[in-house]
């Protein structure tokens, strides 16, 4: 396998748009930015993000976007706003955004392990 040519990328997230940053990170984790890309080989890079609390959202997403979680019991639909998530755990929010941009296959978990956050 081609694991020996992995690079380390450090990204400062201050004043970057969240969705564009997440898609850039997902591309690096998959390895699509390399010329020897193969979809069935996990040859992506390591990505370290710093200053996650400084990301920006365009439009009115901070006031209007909601995340839903159902516990499995009747009537237990939990709702949280994007603004609350950003205030409490911005690294988990960005990790969830990147996770949703990665393909849903066996390589997803290993790719997410290479995403780290510097506090």
C-alpha atoms as a PDB file:
ATOM      1  CA  UNK A   1       0.000   0.000   0.000  1.00  0.00           C
ATOM      2  CA  UNK A   2       1.011   3.610  -0.491  1.00  0.00           C
ATOM      3  CA  UNK A   3       0.979   4.816   3.104  1.00  0.00           C
ATOM      4  CA  UNK A   4       4.501   6.194   3.243  1.00  0.00           C
ATOM      5  CA  UNK A   5       3.817   9.347   1.196  1.00  0.00           C
ATOM      6  CA  UNK A   6       1.299  10.966   3.561  1.00  0.00           C
ATOM      7  CA  UNK A   7       1.771  14.642   4.199  1.00  0.00           C
ATOM      8  CA  UNK A   8       0.808  16.730   7.216  1.00  0.00           C
ATOM      9  CA  UNK A   9      -1.353  19.802   6.562  1.00  0.00           C
ATOM     10  CA  UNK A  10      -1.941  22.536   9.147  1.00  0.00           C
ATOM     11  CA  UNK A  11      -4.897  24.821   8.484  1.00  0.00           C
ATOM     12  CA  UNK A  12      -5.817  27.965  10.380  1.00  0.00           C
ATOM     13  CA  UNK A  13      -9.626  28.161  10.393  1.00  0.00           C
ATOM     14  CA  UNK A  14      -9.874  31.804  11.426  1.00  0.00           C
ATOM     15  CA  UNK A  15     -12.338  33.736   9.201  1.00  0.00           C
ATOM     16  CA  UNK A  16     -12.835  30.838   6.778  1.00  0.00           C
ATOM     17  CA  UNK A  17     -16.280  29.821   5.549  1.00  0.00           C
ATOM     18  CA  UNK A  18     -17.224  26.555   7.265  1.00  0.00           C
ATOM     19  CA  UNK A  19     -18.604  24.601   4.297  1.00  0.00           C
ATOM     20  CA  UNK A  20     -15.734  25.445   1.993  1.00  0.00           C
ATOM     21  CA  UNK A  21     -13.238  24.572   4.696  1.00  0.00           C
ATOM     22  CA  UNK A  22     -14.957  21.237   5.353  1.00  0.00           C
ATOM     23  CA  UNK A  23     -14.917  20.271   1.674  1.00  0.00           C
ATOM     24  CA  UNK A  24     -11.227  21.185   1.423  1.00  0.00           C
ATOM     25  CA  UNK A  25     -10.457  19.025   4.463  1.00  0.00           C
ATOM     26  CA  UNK A  26     -12.492  16.109   3.075  1.00  0.00           C
ATOM     27  CA  UNK A  27     -10.573  16.272  -0.211  1.00  0.00           C
ATOM     28  CA  UNK A  28      -7.259  16.079   1.634  1.00  0.00           C
ATOM     29  CA  UNK A  29      -8.411  13.198   3.854  1.00  0.00           C
ATOM     30  CA  UNK A  30      -9.608  11.202   0.835  1.00  0.00           C
ATOM     31  CA  UNK A  31      -6.441  11.905  -1.138  1.00  0.00           C
ATOM     32  CA  UNK A  32      -8.084  13.396  -4.223  1.00  0.00           C
ATOM     33  CA  UNK A  33      -5.489  16.162  -4.287  1.00  0.00           C
ATOM     34  CA  UNK A  34      -2.771  13.640  -5.224  1.00  0.00           C
ATOM     35  CA  UNK A  35      -1.966  12.426  -8.695  1.00  0.00           C
ATOM     36  CA  UNK A  36      -1.871   8.754  -7.644  1.00  0.00           C
ATOM     37  CA  UNK A  37      -5.469   8.792  -6.301  1.00  0.00           C
ATOM     38  CA  UNK A  38      -7.320   5.488  -6.296  1.00  0.00           C
ATOM     39  CA  UNK A  39     -10.843   5.306  -4.843  1.00  0.00           C
ATOM     40  CA  UNK A  40     -10.292   1.959  -3.106  1.00  0.00           C
ATOM     41  CA  UNK A  41      -6.973   2.896  -1.433  1.00  0.00           C
ATOM     42  CA  UNK A  42      -6.818   5.103   1.634  1.00  0.00           C
ATOM     43  CA  UNK A  43      -3.894   7.333   0.650  1.00  0.00           C
ATOM     44  CA  UNK A  44      -5.074  10.620   2.172  1.00  0.00           C
ATOM     45  CA  UNK A  45      -3.083  13.048   4.269  1.00  0.00           C
ATOM     46  CA  UNK A  46      -3.091  14.107   7.915  1.00  0.00           C
ATOM     47  CA  UNK A  47      -4.939  17.360   8.604  1.00  0.00           C
ATOM     48  CA  UNK A  48      -4.586  19.473  11.746  1.00  0.00           C
ATOM     49  CA  UNK A  49      -6.983  22.373  12.293  1.00  0.00           C
ATOM     50  CA  UNK A  50      -6.323  25.249  14.661  1.00  0.00           C
ATOM     51  CA  UNK A  51      -8.553  28.139  15.789  1.00  0.00           C
ATOM     52  CA  UNK A  52     -11.768  26.268  15.005  1.00  0.00           C
ATOM     53  CA  UNK A  53     -13.857  28.747  16.986  1.00  0.00           C
ATOM     54  CA  UNK A  54     -13.044  31.428  14.404  1.00  0.00           C
ATOM     55  CA  UNK A  55     -14.924  29.864  11.469  1.00  0.00           C
ATOM     56  CA  UNK A  56     -17.623  31.894   9.739  1.00  0.00           C
ATOM     57  CA  UNK A  57     -21.061  30.969   8.446  1.00  0.00           C
ATOM     58  CA  UNK A  58     -22.672  32.808   5.559  1.00  0.00           C
ATOM     59  CA  UNK A  59     -26.252  34.004   5.502  1.00  0.00           C
ATOM     60  CA  UNK A  60     -28.584  33.444   8.435  1.00  0.00           C
ATOM     61  CA  UNK A  61     -27.419  29.925   9.275  1.00  0.00           C
ATOM     62  CA  UNK A  62     -26.486  30.799  12.861  1.00  0.00           C
ATOM     63  CA  UNK A  63     -30.087  31.774  13.658  1.00  0.00           C
ATOM     64  CA  UNK A  64     -32.049  29.385  11.432  1.00  0.00           C
ATOM     65  CA  UNK A  65     -30.125  26.099  11.027  1.00  0.00           C
ATOM     66  CA  UNK A  66     -31.161  23.299  13.370  1.00  0.00           C
ATOM     67  CA  UNK A  67     -29.812  19.827  14.030  1.00  0.00           C
ATOM     68  CA  UNK A  68     -32.193  17.008  14.938  1.00  0.00           C
ATOM     69  CA  UNK A  69     -31.520  13.848  16.931  1.00  0.00           C
ATOM     70  CA  UNK A  70     -34.064  11.178  17.777  1.00  0.00           C
ATOM     71  CA  UNK A  71     -33.513   8.923  20.762  1.00  0.00           C
ATOM     72  CA  UNK A  72     -35.711   6.136  19.428  1.00  0.00           C
ATOM     73  CA  UNK A  73     -38.512   6.699  21.906  1.00  0.00           C
ATOM     74  CA  UNK A  74     -41.838   8.248  20.955  1.00  0.00           C
ATOM     75  CA  UNK A  75     -41.838  12.015  21.326  1.00  0.00           C
ATOM     76  CA  UNK A  76     -38.112  12.339  22.022  1.00  0.00           C
ATOM     77  CA  UNK A  77     -36.926  14.419  19.092  1.00  0.00           C
ATOM     78  CA  UNK A  78     -34.070  16.618  20.331  1.00  0.00           C
ATOM     79  CA  UNK A  79     -33.366  19.903  18.553  1.00  0.00           C
ATOM     80  CA  UNK A  80     -30.231  22.045  18.832  1.00  0.00           C
ATOM     81  CA  UNK A  81     -29.344  25.227  16.994  1.00  0.00           C
ATOM     82  CA  UNK A  82     -26.120  25.778  15.089  1.00  0.00           C
ATOM     83  CA  UNK A  83     -25.279  28.758  17.292  1.00  0.00           C
ATOM     84  CA  UNK A  84     -25.361  26.578  20.430  1.00  0.00           C
ATOM     85  CA  UNK A  85     -23.137  23.906  18.846  1.00  0.00           C
ATOM     86  CA  UNK A  86     -20.636  26.512  17.710  1.00  0.00           C
ATOM     87  CA  UNK A  87     -20.445  28.032  21.189  1.00  0.00           C
ATOM     88  CA  UNK A  88     -20.019  24.705  23.040  1.00  0.00           C
ATOM     89  CA  UNK A  89     -17.973  22.410  20.778  1.00  0.00           C
ATOM     90  CA  UNK A  90     -16.866  23.936  17.460  1.00  0.00           C
ATOM     91  CA  UNK A  91     -14.442  21.066  16.797  1.00  0.00           C
ATOM     92  CA  UNK A  92     -17.241  18.469  16.973  1.00  0.00           C
ATOM     93  CA  UNK A  93     -19.326  20.610  14.628  1.00  0.00           C
ATOM     94  CA  UNK A  94     -16.574  20.801  12.012  1.00  0.00           C
ATOM     95  CA  UNK A  95     -15.831  17.088  12.403  1.00  0.00           C
ATOM     96  CA  UNK A  96     -19.508  16.299  11.776  1.00  0.00           C
ATOM     97  CA  UNK A  97     -19.486  18.493   8.671  1.00  0.00           C
ATOM     98  CA  UNK A  98     -16.383  16.729   7.325  1.00  0.00           C
ATOM     99  CA  UNK A  99     -17.820  13.300   8.194  1.00  0.00           C
ATOM    100  CA  UNK A 100     -20.940  14.030   6.153  1.00  0.00           C
ATOM    101  CA  UNK A 101     -18.776  15.013   3.178  1.00  0.00           C
ATOM    102  CA  UNK A 102     -16.792  11.765   3.217  1.00  0.00           C
ATOM    103  CA  UNK A 103     -18.199   8.763   1.338  1.00  0.00           C
ATOM    104  CA  UNK A 104     -20.080   6.275   3.480  1.00  0.00           C
ATOM    105  CA  UNK A 105     -17.828   3.226   3.137  1.00  0.00           C
ATOM    106  CA  UNK A 106     -15.297   1.203   5.144  1.00  0.00           C
ATOM    107  CA  UNK A 107     -12.568   3.816   4.759  1.00  0.00           C
ATOM    108  CA  UNK A 108     -14.508   6.646   6.433  1.00  0.00           C
ATOM    109  CA  UNK A 109     -13.494   5.842  10.037  1.00  0.00           C
ATOM    110  CA  UNK A 110      -9.782   5.629   9.226  1.00  0.00           C
ATOM    111  CA  UNK A 111      -9.935   8.888   7.305  1.00  0.00           C
ATOM    112  CA  UNK A 112     -11.604  10.674  10.209  1.00  0.00           C
ATOM    113  CA  UNK A 113      -8.887   9.463  12.589  1.00  0.00           C
ATOM    114  CA  UNK A 114      -6.363  11.532  10.631  1.00  0.00           C
ATOM    115  CA  UNK A 115      -8.318  14.736  11.355  1.00  0.00           C
ATOM    116  CA  UNK A 116      -7.051  16.417  14.535  1.00  0.00           C
ATOM    117  CA  UNK A 117      -7.736  19.715  16.243  1.00  0.00           C
ATOM    118  CA  UNK A 118      -5.213  21.902  18.026  1.00  0.00           C
ATOM    119  CA  UNK A 119      -6.569  23.810  20.986  1.00  0.00           C
END
